[in-house]
Amino acid sequence: MFQKILVAVDASETSTYAMTEAVNLAKATQAGLMLLHVLTHFTEGYPDLVFSAQSRMMAGLNQSEAINLYAERWQEFEQQGLEMLKQFTENLTSQGISTEFTQSFGDPGRAICDLASTWNADLIVVGRHGYKGLKEVFMGSVSNYVIHHASCSVLTVYKPSEAKKTSEAT
């Protein structure tokens, strides 16, 4: 049924539920997993820029020092994502699941769809936060973008409490 399952992961609780579903499917179908973490400006821990004259002055930095500080923070930010992916991969590999991982920067929806296409995924598993109204407008809906632009099937996974709210509303 499925041979290649792409799972979008981050540090959220919703992502944990998506990962659980992907692992269950991989075990049932002997599929391989590709874990994708996308760094964005909205990711928790994203390093702040200190390039404005006022912010540099407040921090006591010249422009060169500010650039170096940002580069250091960016490397730490990237490394945190890679460490998360490595831990997931080691755990899944120890369970006998063939697992790869990658990390990118940019728009999560596009990154997920692009990787699914180039990796020839059979299924994308993505968490859905259940944002509604203005929050969805401002935060965007990665899962909605993926559903409408993916080149393969998409499984969206809600947190159990969100799934219950959604089913009660319909």
Protein backbone atom coordinates (compact mmCIF):
# COMPACT_ATOMS: atom_id res chain seq x y z
CA MET A 1 0.00 0.00 0.00
CA PHE A 2 2.46 2.68 1.18
CA GLN A 3 6.18 2.42 0.58
CA LYS A 4 7.30 5.97 1.33
CA ILE A 5 5.68 8.10 4.02
CA LEU A 6 6.73 11.70 4.54
CA VAL A 7 6.11 13.06 8.03
CA ALA A 8 6.28 16.77 8.80
CA VAL A 9 7.61 17.17 12.34
CA ASP A 10 8.27 19.98 14.77
CA ALA A 11 8.32 20.28 18.55
CA SER A 12 4.53 20.63 18.89
CA GLU A 13 2.15 18.24 20.59
CA THR A 14 0.19 17.94 17.34
CA SER A 15 3.33 16.78 15.58
CA THR A 16 3.71 14.01 18.16
CA TYR A 17 0.29 12.65 17.23
CA ALA A 18 1.11 12.86 13.53
CA MET A 19 4.35 10.96 14.14
CA THR A 20 2.48 8.25 16.06
CA GLU A 21 0.05 7.74 13.16
CA ALA A 22 2.90 7.66 10.64
CA VAL A 23 4.81 5.09 12.69
CA ASN A 24 1.72 2.89 12.99
CA LEU A 25 1.20 3.05 9.22
CA ALA A 26 4.88 2.38 8.52
CA LYS A 27 4.83 -0.69 10.75
CA ALA A 28 1.62 -1.99 9.17
CA THR A 29 2.81 -1.50 5.58
CA GLN A 30 6.60 -1.91 5.96
CA ALA A 31 6.99 1.61 4.58
CA GLY A 32 10.02 3.81 4.99
CA LEU A 33 9.72 7.19 6.67
CA MET A 34 11.15 10.55 5.73
CA LEU A 35 11.05 13.06 8.56
CA LEU A 36 10.99 16.71 7.53
CA HIS A 37 11.49 19.67 9.83
CA VAL A 38 11.04 23.12 8.28
CA LEU A 39 12.61 26.12 9.98
CA THR A 40 10.60 29.32 9.64
CA HIS A 41 10.53 32.80 11.12
CA PHE A 42 7.62 31.59 13.25
CA THR A 43 9.44 28.58 14.73
CA GLU A 44 9.97 28.85 18.46
CA GLY A 45 13.57 29.80 19.14
CA TYR A 46 14.09 31.60 15.82
CA PRO A 47 17.00 34.00 16.41
CA ASP A 48 16.13 37.67 16.57
CA LEU A 49 17.89 40.09 14.29
CA VAL A 50 19.79 42.83 16.09
CA PHE A 51 20.70 44.88 13.03
CA SER A 52 18.84 48.11 13.69
CA ALA A 53 21.01 50.87 15.13
CA GLN A 54 18.79 51.10 18.20
CA SER A 55 18.83 47.37 18.97
CA ARG A 56 22.61 47.16 18.40
CA MET A 57 23.17 50.14 20.69
CA MET A 58 20.97 48.59 23.39
CA ALA A 59 22.90 45.33 23.11
CA GLY A 60 26.23 47.16 23.01
CA LEU A 61 27.18 45.67 19.63
CA ASN A 62 28.55 47.11 16.42
CA GLN A 63 27.17 45.84 13.10
CA SER A 64 29.87 43.20 12.64
CA GLU A 65 29.32 41.84 16.16
CA ALA A 66 25.57 41.77 15.58
CA ILE A 67 26.04 39.75 12.38
CA ASN A 68 28.35 37.30 14.15
CA LEU A 69 25.90 36.95 17.06
CA TYR A 70 23.04 36.27 14.66
CA ALA A 71 25.14 33.66 12.79
CA GLU A 72 25.92 31.90 16.08
CA ARG A 73 22.26 31.89 17.12
CA TRP A 74 21.22 30.66 13.68
CA GLN A 75 23.65 27.72 13.90
CA GLU A 76 22.27 26.83 17.34
CA PHE A 77 18.72 27.07 15.96
CA GLU A 78 19.55 24.76 13.05
CA GLN A 79 21.36 22.34 15.35
CA GLN A 80 18.35 22.06 17.67
CA GLY A 81 16.19 20.97 14.74
CA LEU A 82 18.77 18.47 13.54
CA GLU A 83 19.16 17.01 17.03
CA MET A 84 15.39 16.52 17.25
CA LEU A 85 15.41 14.75 13.87
CA LYS A 86 18.39 12.56 14.85
CA GLN A 87 16.67 11.48 18.08
CA PHE A 88 13.46 10.60 16.23
CA THR A 89 15.44 8.70 13.58
CA GLU A 90 17.47 6.71 16.12
CA ASN A 91 14.29 5.76 17.99
CA LEU A 92 12.47 4.67 14.84
CA THR A 93 15.46 2.81 13.41
CA SER A 94 15.76 0.87 16.68
CA GLN A 95 12.12 -0.19 16.13
CA GLY A 96 13.07 -1.58 12.72
CA ILE A 97 11.59 1.27 10.67
CA SER A 98 13.69 2.52 7.78
CA THR A 99 13.97 6.25 8.49
CA GLU A 100 15.63 9.22 6.84
CA PHE A 101 15.46 12.89 7.75
CA THR A 102 16.02 16.33 6.32
CA GLN A 103 15.64 19.90 7.44
CA SER A 104 14.93 22.95 5.33
CA PHE A 105 14.09 26.62 5.72
CA GLY A 106 11.14 28.42 4.21
CA ASP A 107 7.43 28.03 3.76
CA PRO A 108 6.45 24.72 5.43
CA GLY A 109 3.60 23.88 3.05
CA ARG A 110 5.73 24.35 -0.04
CA ALA A 111 8.69 22.53 1.50
CA ILE A 112 6.51 19.54 2.37
CA CYS A 113 4.95 19.36 -1.10
CA ASP A 114 8.30 19.83 -2.86
CA LEU A 115 9.97 17.07 -0.86
CA ALA A 116 6.99 14.74 -1.31
CA SER A 117 7.31 15.21 -5.06
CA THR A 118 11.09 14.80 -5.32
CA TRP A 119 11.21 11.90 -2.84
CA ASN A 120 8.21 10.24 -4.55
CA ALA A 121 6.22 9.92 -1.33
CA ASP A 122 3.07 7.80 -1.38
CA LEU A 123 1.63 9.58 1.66
CA ILE A 124 2.21 12.76 3.63
CA VAL A 125 1.32 12.78 7.32
CA VAL A 126 0.95 16.23 8.82
CA GLY A 127 -0.48 17.54 12.08
CA ARG A 128 -3.34 19.99 12.04
CA HIS A 129 -3.50 22.61 14.76
CA GLY A 130 -7.13 23.45 14.03
CA TYR A 131 -6.68 27.21 13.74
CA LYS A 132 -9.87 29.01 12.77
CA GLY A 133 -10.78 32.51 11.66
CA LEU A 134 -8.19 35.24 12.06
CA LYS A 135 -5.63 32.95 13.65
CA GLU A 136 -5.66 30.78 10.52
CA VAL A 137 -5.40 33.89 8.33
CA PHE A 138 -2.35 35.17 10.20
CA MET A 139 -0.69 31.87 11.07
CA GLY A 140 -1.64 30.14 7.85
CA SER A 141 -2.64 26.54 7.56
CA VAL A 142 0.18 24.29 6.52
CA SER A 143 -2.08 21.25 6.38
CA ASN A 144 -4.61 23.09 4.20
CA TYR A 145 -1.87 24.11 1.76
CA VAL A 146 -0.53 20.54 1.65
CA ILE A 147 -3.98 19.03 1.08
CA HIS A 148 -4.51 21.28 -1.94
CA HIS A 149 -1.01 21.12 -3.47
CA ALA A 150 0.45 17.69 -2.68
CA SER A 151 1.26 15.22 -5.42
CA CYS A 152 0.15 12.27 -3.24
CA SER A 153 -2.36 11.36 -0.54
CA VAL A 154 -2.36 13.39 2.68
CA LEU A 155 -3.33 12.29 6.18
CA THR A 156 -4.03 15.16 8.56
CA VAL A 157 -3.87 14.37 12.26
CA TYR A 158 -5.54 16.45 14.96
CA LYS A 159 -4.73 16.42 18.66
CA PRO A 160 -7.41 14.18 20.22
CA SER A 161 -9.08 17.16 21.93
CA GLU A 162 -9.17 19.09 18.63
CA ALA A 163 -10.57 16.10 16.75
CA LYS A 164 -13.38 15.81 19.29
CA LYS A 165 -14.21 19.54 18.99
CA THR A 166 -14.25 19.28 15.19
CA SER A 167 -16.52 16.21 15.13
CA GLU A 168 -18.91 17.81 17.63
CA ALA A 169 -19.15 20.95 15.48
CA THR A 170 -20.29 19.01 12.41
